[in-house]
Amino acid sequence: MKLRTVGLLLALWCVLVIGPAVVISLSGVNTEDPAGFVLLAWIGGYLMQFGVFMVLAMKTQRGNNLTGWLIASLVPWAADFSAPVSPWWLLPCAMLVICYAW
C-alpha cells in the first residue's frame, strides 16, 4: 500500500462528498423543483464518492470500519439537501469528512 495513493484517494473522496453540494448551492438552481442535471450531479457524485471509498477500504484493509461506512453513506445526502437551504450547513459536513480523512 502506497501512502501517496491513499492520500490522493482520500483527497478525491473529500472533494466528491462535498463537491456536488457546493456546485449546486453556488449555481443558484431552484432545488424545490430540481432539473435533471441537479439529480444527475447528486446521484452521480454519491456513486463516485462511494466507489472511491470502497477502493480505499480495500486498499487499507479497514473494510469493517462502521464509522467510515456511515460517513460515506450519509454525509453526501446531508450536504446535498442542506446546502440549498444555507451554505453554512456545508461546513459541519466538510469538517466531518476532512477530520475522518485525516
PDB file of N, CA and C in Angstrom:
ATOM      1  N   MET A   1       0.850  -1.177   0.000  1.00  0.00           N
ATOM      2  CA  MET A   1       0.000   0.000   0.000  1.00  0.00           C
ATOM      3  C   MET A   1       0.895   1.239   0.000  1.00  0.00           C
ATOM      4  N   LYS A   2       0.670   2.111  -0.950  1.00  0.00           N
ATOM      5  CA  LYS A   2       1.440   3.335  -1.012  1.00  0.00           C
ATOM      6  C   LYS A   2       0.648   4.444  -0.323  1.00  0.00           C
ATOM      7  N   LEU A   3       1.305   5.129   0.592  1.00  0.00           N
ATOM      8  CA  LEU A   3       0.624   6.196   1.327  1.00  0.00           C
ATOM      9  C   LEU A   3       0.236   7.350   0.418  1.00  0.00           C
ATOM     10  N   ARG A   4       1.023   7.594  -0.610  1.00  0.00           N
ATOM     11  CA  ARG A   4       0.689   8.673  -1.535  1.00  0.00           C
ATOM     12  C   ARG A   4      -0.618   8.375  -2.266  1.00  0.00           C
ATOM     13  N   THR A   5      -0.796   7.137  -2.693  1.00  0.00           N
ATOM     14  CA  THR A   5      -2.032   6.737  -3.369  1.00  0.00           C
ATOM     15  C   THR A   5      -3.226   6.869  -2.444  1.00  0.00           C
ATOM     16  N   VAL A   6      -3.069   6.416  -1.223  1.00  0.00           N
ATOM     17  CA  VAL A   6      -4.163   6.513  -0.257  1.00  0.00           C
ATOM     18  C   VAL A   6      -4.472   7.973   0.035  1.00  0.00           C
ATOM     19  N   GLY A   7      -3.453   8.802   0.169  1.00  0.00           N
ATOM     20  CA  GLY A   7      -3.664  10.227   0.421  1.00  0.00           C
ATOM     21  C   GLY A   7      -4.408  10.908  -0.729  1.00  0.00           C
ATOM     22  N   LEU A   8      -4.033  10.572  -1.955  1.00  0.00           N
ATOM     23  CA  LEU A   8      -4.721  11.152  -3.117  1.00  0.00           C
ATOM     24  C   LEU A   8      -6.167  10.673  -3.199  1.00  0.00           C
ATOM     25  N   LEU A   9      -6.393   9.393  -2.891  1.00  0.00           N
ATOM     26  CA  LEU A   9      -7.764   8.877  -2.901  1.00  0.00           C
ATOM     27  C   LEU A   9      -8.605   9.525  -1.804  1.00  0.00           C
ATOM     28  N   LEU A  10      -8.010   9.773  -0.640  1.00  0.00           N
ATOM     29  CA  LEU A  10      -8.739  10.453   0.435  1.00  0.00           C
ATOM     30  C   LEU A  10      -9.101  11.886   0.031  1.00  0.00           C
ATOM     31  N   ALA A  11      -8.173  12.579  -0.613  1.00  0.00           N
ATOM     32  CA  ALA A  11      -8.460  13.935  -1.074  1.00  0.00           C
ATOM     33  C   ALA A  11      -9.570  13.922  -2.126  1.00  0.00           C
ATOM     34  N   LEU A  12      -9.505  12.985  -3.054  1.00  0.00           N
ATOM     35  CA  LEU A  12     -10.555  12.862  -4.071  1.00  0.00           C
ATOM     36  C   LEU A  12     -11.892  12.542  -3.425  1.00  0.00           C
ATOM     37  N   TRP A  13     -11.880  11.670  -2.427  1.00  0.00           N
ATOM     38  CA  TRP A  13     -13.111  11.309  -1.727  1.00  0.00           C
ATOM     39  C   TRP A  13     -13.738  12.534  -1.055  1.00  0.00           C
ATOM     40  N   CYS A  14     -12.921  13.356  -0.402  1.00  0.00           N
ATOM     41  CA  CYS A  14     -13.437  14.568   0.247  1.00  0.00           C
ATOM     42  C   CYS A  14     -14.082  15.501  -0.767  1.00  0.00           C
ATOM     43  N   VAL A  15     -13.443  15.666  -1.917  1.00  0.00           N
ATOM     44  CA  VAL A  15     -13.994  16.544  -2.956  1.00  0.00           C
ATOM     45  C   VAL A  15     -15.299  15.978  -3.502  1.00  0.00           C
ATOM     46  N   LEU A  16     -15.363  14.672  -3.702  1.00  0.00           N
ATOM     47  CA  LEU A  16     -16.575  14.075  -4.258  1.00  0.00           C
ATOM     48  C   LEU A  16     -17.740  14.077  -3.267  1.00  0.00           C
ATOM     49  N   VAL A  17     -17.457  14.076  -1.976  1.00  0.00           N
ATOM     50  CA  VAL A  17     -18.535  14.125  -0.990  1.00  0.00           C
ATOM     51  C   VAL A  17     -19.169  15.509  -0.963  1.00  0.00           C
ATOM     52  N   ILE A  18     -18.357  16.543  -0.948  1.00  0.00           N
ATOM     53  CA  ILE A  18     -18.850  17.915  -0.768  1.00  0.00           C
ATOM     54  C   ILE A  18     -19.044  18.640  -2.091  1.00  0.00           C
ATOM     55  N   GLY A  19     -18.318  18.237  -3.129  1.00  0.00           N
ATOM     56  CA  GLY A  19     -18.328  18.945  -4.407  1.00  0.00           C
ATOM     57  C   GLY A  19     -19.692  19.175  -5.034  1.00  0.00           C
ATOM     58  N   PRO A  20     -20.520  18.137  -5.201  1.00  0.00           N
ATOM     59  CA  PRO A  20     -21.825  18.381  -5.826  1.00  0.00           C
ATOM     60  C   PRO A  20     -22.693  19.373  -5.054  1.00  0.00           C
ATOM     61  N   ALA A  21     -22.644  19.319  -3.738  1.00  0.00           N
ATOM     62  CA  ALA A  21     -23.437  20.255  -2.932  1.00  0.00           C
ATOM     63  C   ALA A  21     -22.946  21.681  -3.114  1.00  0.00           C
ATOM     64  N   VAL A  22     -21.640  21.865  -3.191  1.00  0.00           N
ATOM     65  CA  VAL A  22     -21.084  23.209  -3.383  1.00  0.00           C
ATOM     66  C   VAL A  22     -21.461  23.753  -4.754  1.00  0.00           C
ATOM     67  N   VAL A  23     -21.325  22.938  -5.779  1.00  0.00           N
ATOM     68  CA  VAL A  23     -21.642  23.382  -7.143  1.00  0.00           C
ATOM     69  C   VAL A  23     -23.115  23.751  -7.268  1.00  0.00           C
ATOM     70  N   ILE A  24     -23.999  22.936  -6.732  1.00  0.00           N
ATOM     71  CA  ILE A  24     -25.433  23.204  -6.838  1.00  0.00           C
ATOM     72  C   ILE A  24     -25.817  24.433  -6.031  1.00  0.00           C
ATOM     73  N   SER A  25     -25.254  24.591  -4.832  1.00  0.00           N
ATOM     74  CA  SER A  25     -25.629  25.739  -4.000  1.00  0.00           C
ATOM     75  C   SER A  25     -25.092  27.042  -4.582  1.00  0.00           C
ATOM     76  N   LEU A  26     -23.918  27.019  -5.211  1.00  0.00           N
ATOM     77  CA  LEU A  26     -23.357  28.243  -5.792  1.00  0.00           C
ATOM     78  C   LEU A  26     -23.968  28.591  -7.142  1.00  0.00           C
ATOM     79  N   SER A  27     -24.580  27.617  -7.802  1.00  0.00           N
ATOM     80  CA  SER A  27     -25.144  27.899  -9.127  1.00  0.00           C
ATOM     81  C   SER A  27     -26.493  28.597  -9.050  1.00  0.00           C
ATOM     82  N   GLY A  28     -27.133  28.584  -7.895  1.00  0.00           N
ATOM     83  CA  GLY A  28     -28.410  29.260  -7.733  1.00  0.00           C
ATOM     84  C   GLY A  28     -29.570  28.541  -8.394  1.00  0.00           C
ATOM     85  N   VAL A  29     -29.477  27.239  -8.534  1.00  0.00           N
ATOM     86  CA  VAL A  29     -30.530  26.451  -9.158  1.00  0.00           C
ATOM     87  C   VAL A  29     -31.671  26.267  -8.166  1.00  0.00           C
ATOM     88  N   ASN A  30     -32.885  26.297  -8.671  1.00  0.00           N
ATOM     89  CA  ASN A  30     -34.048  26.049  -7.827  1.00  0.00           C
ATOM     90  C   ASN A  30     -34.100  24.566  -7.486  1.00  0.00           C
ATOM     91  N   THR A  31     -33.844  24.239  -6.236  1.00  0.00           N
ATOM     92  CA  THR A  31     -33.833  22.829  -5.839  1.00  0.00           C
ATOM     93  C   THR A  31     -35.199  22.352  -5.360  1.00  0.00           C
ATOM     94  N   GLU A  32     -36.185  23.247  -5.306  1.00  0.00           N
ATOM     95  CA  GLU A  32     -37.542  22.814  -4.973  1.00  0.00           C
ATOM     96  C   GLU A  32     -38.107  21.940  -6.097  1.00  0.00           C
ATOM     97  N   ASP A  33     -37.754  22.283  -7.314  1.00  0.00           N
ATOM     98  CA  ASP A  33     -38.146  21.506  -8.483  1.00  0.00           C
ATOM     99  C   ASP A  33     -36.870  21.237  -9.282  1.00  0.00           C
ATOM    100  N   PRO A  34     -36.048  20.270  -8.831  1.00  0.00           N
ATOM    101  CA  PRO A  34     -34.721  20.108  -9.427  1.00  0.00           C
ATOM    102  C   PRO A  34     -34.773  19.654 -10.877  1.00  0.00           C
ATOM    103  N   ALA A  35     -33.851  20.216 -11.633  1.00  0.00           N
ATOM    104  CA  ALA A  35     -33.704  19.822 -13.031  1.00  0.00           C
ATOM    105  C   ALA A  35     -32.962  18.498 -13.099  1.00  0.00           C
ATOM    106  N   GLY A  36     -32.892  17.941 -14.287  1.00  0.00           N
ATOM    107  CA  GLY A  36     -32.249  16.650 -14.467  1.00  0.00           C
ATOM    108  C   GLY A  36     -30.777  16.655 -14.112  1.00  0.00           C
ATOM    109  N   PHE A  37     -30.064  17.765 -14.432  1.00  0.00           N
ATOM    110  CA  PHE A  37     -28.635  17.780 -14.147  1.00  0.00           C
ATOM    111  C   PHE A  37     -28.362  17.881 -12.651  1.00  0.00           C
ATOM    112  N   VAL A  38     -29.298  18.451 -11.872  1.00  0.00           N
ATOM    113  CA  VAL A  38     -29.125  18.502 -10.425  1.00  0.00           C
ATOM    114  C   VAL A  38     -29.209  17.099  -9.851  1.00  0.00           C
ATOM    115  N   LEU A  39     -30.214  16.361 -10.265  1.00  0.00           N
ATOM    116  CA  LEU A  39     -30.342  14.987  -9.788  1.00  0.00           C
ATOM    117  C   LEU A  39     -29.173  14.136 -10.261  1.00  0.00           C
ATOM    118  N   LEU A  40     -28.723  14.355 -11.485  1.00  0.00           N
ATOM    119  CA  LEU A  40     -27.578  13.613 -12.002  1.00  0.00           C
ATOM    120  C   LEU A  40     -26.317  13.934 -11.199  1.00  0.00           C
ATOM    121  N   ALA A  41     -26.123  15.211 -10.854  1.00  0.00           N
ATOM    122  CA  ALA A  41     -24.954  15.601 -10.053  1.00  0.00           C
ATOM    123  C   ALA A  41     -25.011  14.973  -8.666  1.00  0.00           C
ATOM    124  N   TRP A  42     -26.184  14.986  -8.048  1.00  0.00           N
ATOM    125  CA  TRP A  42     -26.313  14.414  -6.709  1.00  0.00           C
ATOM    126  C   TRP A  42     -26.088  12.902  -6.726  1.00  0.00           C
ATOM    127  N   ILE A  43     -26.766  12.208  -7.612  1.00  0.00           N
ATOM    128  CA  ILE A  43     -26.666  10.750  -7.642  1.00  0.00           C
ATOM    129  C   ILE A  43     -25.303  10.310  -8.173  1.00  0.00           C
ATOM    130  N   GLY A  44     -24.832  10.966  -9.234  1.00  0.00           N
ATOM    131  CA  GLY A  44     -23.518  10.628  -9.774  1.00  0.00           C
ATOM    132  C   GLY A  44     -22.397  10.898  -8.784  1.00  0.00           C
ATOM    133  N   GLY A  45     -22.474  12.033  -8.096  1.00  0.00           N
ATOM    134  CA  GLY A  45     -21.478  12.347  -7.070  1.00  0.00           C
ATOM    135  C   GLY A  45     -21.491  11.340  -5.945  1.00  0.00           C
ATOM    136  N   TYR A  46     -22.704  10.924  -5.548  1.00  0.00           N
ATOM    137  CA  TYR A  46     -22.822   9.938  -4.478  1.00  0.00           C
ATOM    138  C   TYR A  46     -22.193   8.607  -4.884  1.00  0.00           C
ATOM    139  N   LEU A  47     -22.512   8.151  -6.076  1.00  0.00           N
ATOM    140  CA  LEU A  47     -21.974   6.866  -6.532  1.00  0.00           C
ATOM    141  C   LEU A  47     -20.454   6.918  -6.711  1.00  0.00           C
ATOM    142  N   MET A  48     -19.946   8.030  -7.238  1.00  0.00           N
ATOM    143  CA  MET A  48     -18.498   8.144  -7.421  1.00  0.00           C
ATOM    144  C   MET A  48     -17.768   8.173  -6.087  1.00  0.00           C
ATOM    145  N   GLN A  49     -18.274   8.963  -5.115  1.00  0.00           N
ATOM    146  CA  GLN A  49     -17.584   9.024  -3.836  1.00  0.00           C
ATOM    147  C   GLN A  49     -17.660   7.696  -3.109  1.00  0.00           C
ATOM    148  N   PHE A  50     -18.777   6.986  -3.246  1.00  0.00           N
ATOM    149  CA  PHE A  50     -18.907   5.699  -2.586  1.00  0.00           C
ATOM    150  C   PHE A  50     -17.965   4.670  -3.215  1.00  0.00           C
ATOM    151  N   GLY A  51     -17.794   4.746  -4.537  1.00  0.00           N
ATOM    152  CA  GLY A  51     -16.838   3.871  -5.209  1.00  0.00           C
ATOM    153  C   GLY A  51     -15.412   4.137  -4.757  1.00  0.00           C
ATOM    154  N   VAL A  52     -15.051   5.416  -4.643  1.00  0.00           N
ATOM    155  CA  VAL A  52     -13.708   5.763  -4.168  1.00  0.00           C
ATOM    156  C   VAL A  52     -13.525   5.277  -2.732  1.00  0.00           C
ATOM    157  N   PHE A  53     -14.567   5.418  -1.902  1.00  0.00           N
ATOM    158  CA  PHE A  53     -14.469   4.945  -0.531  1.00  0.00           C
ATOM    159  C   PHE A  53     -14.292   3.430  -0.469  1.00  0.00           C
ATOM    160  N   MET A  54     -14.971   2.711  -1.329  1.00  0.00           N
ATOM    161  CA  MET A  54     -14.827   1.251  -1.342  1.00  0.00           C
ATOM    162  C   MET A  54     -13.407   0.847  -1.752  1.00  0.00           C
ATOM    163  N   VAL A  55     -12.834   1.541  -2.719  1.00  0.00           N
ATOM    164  CA  VAL A  55     -11.448   1.264  -3.114  1.00  0.00           C
ATOM    165  C   VAL A  55     -10.512   1.552  -1.943  1.00  0.00           C
ATOM    166  N   LEU A  56     -10.753   2.664  -1.234  1.00  0.00           N
ATOM    167  CA  LEU A  56      -9.936   2.985  -0.066  1.00  0.00           C
ATOM    168  C   LEU A  56     -10.051   1.909   1.009  1.00  0.00           C
ATOM    169  N   ALA A  57     -11.255   1.437   1.243  1.00  0.00           N
ATOM    170  CA  ALA A  57     -11.461   0.406   2.262  1.00  0.00           C
ATOM    171  C   ALA A  57     -10.712  -0.866   1.906  1.00  0.00           C
ATOM    172  N   MET A  58     -10.663  -1.203   0.632  1.00  0.00           N
ATOM    173  CA  MET A  58      -9.933  -2.401   0.211  1.00  0.00           C
ATOM    174  C   MET A  58      -8.421  -2.196   0.297  1.00  0.00           C
ATOM    175  N   LYS A  59      -7.952  -0.995  -0.077  1.00  0.00           N
ATOM    176  CA  LYS A  59      -6.512  -0.724  -0.044  1.00  0.00           C
ATOM    177  C   LYS A  59      -5.966  -0.688   1.373  1.00  0.00           C
ATOM    178  N   THR A  60      -6.738  -0.189   2.305  1.00  0.00           N
ATOM    179  CA  THR A  60      -6.254  -0.056   3.682  1.00  0.00           C
ATOM    180  C   THR A  60      -6.637  -1.246   4.547  1.00  0.00           C
ATOM    181  N   GLN A  61      -7.388  -2.180   4.019  1.00  0.00           N
ATOM    182  CA  GLN A  61      -7.858  -3.350   4.749  1.00  0.00           C
ATOM    183  C   GLN A  61      -8.614  -2.965   6.017  1.00  0.00           C
ATOM    184  N   ARG A  62      -9.372  -1.873   5.923  1.00  0.00           N
ATOM    185  CA  ARG A  62     -10.202  -1.452   7.039  1.00  0.00           C
ATOM    186  C   ARG A  62     -11.656  -1.434   6.575  1.00  0.00           C
ATOM    187  N   GLY A  63     -12.056  -2.453   5.871  1.00  0.00           N
ATOM    188  CA  GLY A  63     -13.392  -2.513   5.300  1.00  0.00           C
ATOM    189  C   GLY A  63     -14.485  -2.684   6.322  1.00  0.00           C
ATOM    190  N   ASN A  64     -14.151  -3.067   7.547  1.00  0.00           N
ATOM    191  CA  ASN A  64     -15.172  -3.262   8.559  1.00  0.00           C
ATOM    192  C   ASN A  64     -15.328  -2.059   9.481  1.00  0.00           C
ATOM    193  N   ASN A  65     -14.868  -0.896   9.067  1.00  0.00           N
ATOM    194  CA  ASN A  65     -14.944   0.313   9.861  1.00  0.00           C
ATOM    195  C   ASN A  65     -16.339   0.926   9.714  1.00  0.00           C
ATOM    196  N   LEU A  66     -17.177   0.739  10.718  1.00  0.00           N
ATOM    197  CA  LEU A  66     -18.563   1.193  10.659  1.00  0.00           C
ATOM    198  C   LEU A  66     -18.669   2.712  10.562  1.00  0.00           C
ATOM    199  N   THR A  67     -17.808   3.425  11.257  1.00  0.00           N
ATOM    200  CA  THR A  67     -17.850   4.889  11.217  1.00  0.00           C
ATOM    201  C   THR A  67     -17.624   5.407   9.800  1.00  0.00           C
ATOM    202  N   GLY A  68     -16.644   4.874   9.123  1.00  0.00           N
ATOM    203  CA  GLY A  68     -16.363   5.296   7.755  1.00  0.00           C
ATOM    204  C   GLY A  68     -17.508   5.000   6.811  1.00  0.00           C
ATOM    205  N   TRP A  69     -18.098   3.837   6.942  1.00  0.00           N
ATOM    206  CA  TRP A  69     -19.219   3.480   6.075  1.00  0.00           C
ATOM    207  C   TRP A  69     -20.419   4.385   6.338  1.00  0.00           C
ATOM    208  N   LEU A  70     -20.670   4.741   7.596  1.00  0.00           N
ATOM    209  CA  LEU A  70     -21.781   5.652   7.905  1.00  0.00           C
ATOM    210  C   LEU A  70     -21.531   7.045   7.328  1.00  0.00           C
ATOM    211  N   ILE A  71     -20.307   7.524   7.454  1.00  0.00           N
ATOM    212  CA  ILE A  71     -19.974   8.845   6.901  1.00  0.00           C
ATOM    213  C   ILE A  71     -20.112   8.829   5.385  1.00  0.00           C
ATOM    214  N   ALA A  72     -19.579   7.805   4.739  1.00  0.00           N
ATOM    215  CA  ALA A  72     -19.649   7.726   3.275  1.00  0.00           C
ATOM    216  C   ALA A  72     -21.078   7.550   2.784  1.00  0.00           C
ATOM    217  N   SER A  73     -21.942   6.981   3.607  1.00  0.00           N
ATOM    218  CA  SER A  73     -23.323   6.745   3.188  1.00  0.00           C
ATOM    219  C   SER A  73     -24.230   7.931   3.446  1.00  0.00           C
ATOM    220  N   LEU A  74     -24.031   8.649   4.543  1.00  0.00           N
ATOM    221  CA  LEU A  74     -24.997   9.659   4.964  1.00  0.00           C
ATOM    222  C   LEU A  74     -24.581  11.106   4.722  1.00  0.00           C
ATOM    223  N   VAL A  75     -23.314  11.410   4.849  1.00  0.00           N
ATOM    224  CA  VAL A  75     -22.877  12.811   4.738  1.00  0.00           C
ATOM    225  C   VAL A  75     -23.138  13.406   3.350  1.00  0.00           C
ATOM    226  N   PRO A  76     -22.942  12.678   2.242  1.00  0.00           N
ATOM    227  CA  PRO A  76     -23.253  13.297   0.947  1.00  0.00           C
ATOM    228  C   PRO A  76     -24.716  13.731   0.836  1.00  0.00           C
ATOM    229  N   TRP A  77     -25.629  12.925   1.348  1.00  0.00           N
ATOM    230  CA  TRP A  77     -27.043  13.306   1.292  1.00  0.00           C
ATOM    231  C   TRP A  77     -27.318  14.500   2.195  1.00  0.00           C
ATOM    232  N   ALA A  78     -26.701  14.519   3.368  1.00  0.00           N
ATOM    233  CA  ALA A  78     -26.878  15.663   4.268  1.00  0.00           C
ATOM    234  C   ALA A  78     -26.343  16.936   3.624  1.00  0.00           C
ATOM    235  N   ALA A  79     -25.201  16.848   2.971  1.00  0.00           N
ATOM    236  CA  ALA A  79     -24.626  18.022   2.309  1.00  0.00           C
ATOM    237  C   ALA A  79     -25.490  18.470   1.132  1.00  0.00           C
ATOM    238  N   ASP A  80     -25.946  17.523   0.324  1.00  0.00           N
ATOM    239  CA  ASP A  80     -26.729  17.874  -0.861  1.00  0.00           C
ATOM    240  C   ASP A  80     -28.058  18.526  -0.499  1.00  0.00           C
ATOM    241  N   PHE A  81     -28.716  18.022   0.532  1.00  0.00           N
ATOM    242  CA  PHE A  81     -30.038  18.546   0.854  1.00  0.00           C
ATOM    243  C   PHE A  81     -30.009  19.738   1.797  1.00  0.00           C
ATOM    244  N   SER A  82     -28.905  19.968   2.488  1.00  0.00           N
ATOM    245  CA  SER A  82     -28.837  21.123   3.371  1.00  0.00           C
ATOM    246  C   SER A  82     -28.190  22.334   2.699  1.00  0.00           C
ATOM    247  N   ALA A  83     -27.368  22.131   1.689  1.00  0.00           N
ATOM    248  CA  ALA A  83     -26.675  23.242   1.032  1.00  0.00           C
ATOM    249  C   ALA A  83     -27.620  24.261   0.394  1.00  0.00           C
ATOM    250  N   PRO A  84     -28.703  23.842  -0.270  1.00  0.00           N
ATOM    251  CA  PRO A  84     -29.598  24.862  -0.834  1.00  0.00           C
ATOM    252  C   PRO A  84     -30.307  25.701   0.231  1.00  0.00           C
ATOM    253  N   VAL A  85     -30.501  25.149   1.407  1.00  0.00           N
ATOM    254  CA  VAL A  85     -31.145  25.897   2.480  1.00  0.00           C
ATOM    255  C   VAL A  85     -30.207  26.970   3.003  1.00  0.00           C
ATOM    256  N   SER A  86     -28.986  26.574   3.327  1.00  0.00           N
ATOM    257  CA  SER A  86     -27.968  27.506   3.797  1.00  0.00           C
ATOM    258  C   SER A  86     -26.592  26.918   3.515  1.00  0.00           C
ATOM    259  N   PRO A  87     -25.736  27.658   2.847  1.00  0.00           N
ATOM    260  CA  PRO A  87     -24.391  27.139   2.569  1.00  0.00           C
ATOM    261  C   PRO A  87     -23.585  26.874   3.837  1.00  0.00           C
ATOM    262  N   TRP A  88     -23.975  27.471   4.943  1.00  0.00           N
ATOM    263  CA  TRP A  88     -23.261  27.243   6.198  1.00  0.00           C
ATOM    264  C   TRP A  88     -23.400  25.814   6.694  1.00  0.00           C
ATOM    265  N   TRP A  89     -24.422  25.093   6.247  1.00  0.00           N
ATOM    266  CA  TRP A  89     -24.583  23.701   6.654  1.00  0.00           C
ATOM    267  C   TRP A  89     -23.535  22.801   6.014  1.00  0.00           C
ATOM    268  N   LEU A  90     -22.867  23.293   4.984  1.00  0.00           N
ATOM    269  CA  LEU A  90     -21.795  22.513   4.376  1.00  0.00           C
ATOM    270  C   LEU A  90     -20.565  22.443   5.273  1.00  0.00           C
ATOM    271  N   LEU A  91     -20.391  23.441   6.127  1.00  0.00           N
ATOM    272  CA  LEU A  91     -19.212  23.478   6.982  1.00  0.00           C
ATOM    273  C   LEU A  91     -19.115  22.263   7.909  1.00  0.00           C
ATOM    274  N   PRO A  92     -20.181  21.899   8.670  1.00  0.00           N
ATOM    275  CA  PRO A  92     -20.041  20.692   9.501  1.00  0.00           C
ATOM    276  C   PRO A  92     -19.850  19.417   8.681  1.00  0.00           C
ATOM    277  N   CYS A  93     -20.490  19.343   7.520  1.00  0.00           N
ATOM    278  CA  CYS A  93     -20.317  18.158   6.664  1.00  0.00           C
ATOM    279  C   CYS A  93     -18.863  18.073   6.184  1.00  0.00           C
ATOM    280  N   ALA A  94     -18.323  19.189   5.736  1.00  0.00           N
ATOM    281  CA  ALA A  94     -16.945  19.210   5.258  1.00  0.00           C
ATOM    282  C   ALA A  94     -15.971  18.904   6.390  1.00  0.00           C
ATOM    283  N   MET A  95     -16.207  19.470   7.554  1.00  0.00           N
ATOM    284  CA  MET A  95     -15.309  19.219   8.688  1.00  0.00           C
ATOM    285  C   MET A  95     -15.332  17.744   9.095  1.00  0.00           C
ATOM    286  N   LEU A  96     -16.493  17.141   9.090  1.00  0.00           N
ATOM    287  CA  LEU A  96     -16.598  15.724   9.449  1.00  0.00           C
ATOM    288  C   LEU A  96     -15.821  14.852   8.465  1.00  0.00           C
ATOM    289  N   VAL A  97     -15.988  15.123   7.181  1.00  0.00           N
ATOM    290  CA  VAL A  97     -15.300  14.326   6.152  1.00  0.00           C
ATOM    291  C   VAL A  97     -13.787  14.548   6.215  1.00  0.00           C
ATOM    292  N   ILE A  98     -13.375  15.785   6.356  1.00  0.00           N
ATOM    293  CA  ILE A  98     -11.938  16.093   6.395  1.00  0.00           C
ATOM    294  C   ILE A  98     -11.293  15.500   7.646  1.00  0.00           C
ATOM    295  N   CYS A  99     -11.969  15.623   8.790  1.00  0.00           N
ATOM    296  CA  CYS A  99     -11.412  15.058  10.024  1.00  0.00           C
ATOM    297  C   CYS A  99     -11.326  13.533   9.939  1.00  0.00           C
ATOM    298  N   TYR A 100     -12.311  12.891   9.359  1.00  0.00           N
ATOM    299  CA  TYR A 100     -12.230  11.443   9.198  1.00  0.00           C
ATOM    300  C   TYR A 100     -11.109  11.060   8.245  1.00  0.00           C
ATOM    301  N   ALA A 101     -10.957  11.811   7.167  1.00  0.00           N
ATOM    302  CA  ALA A 101      -9.892  11.506   6.207  1.00  0.00           C
ATOM    303  C   ALA A 101      -8.510  11.739   6.811  1.00  0.00           C
ATOM    304  N   TRP A 102      -8.413  12.704   7.690  1.00  0.00           N
ATOM    305  CA  TRP A 102      -7.126  12.996   8.331  1.00  0.00           C
ATOM    306  C   TRP A 102      -6.697  11.817   9.160  1.00  0.00           C
TER     307      TRP A 102
END
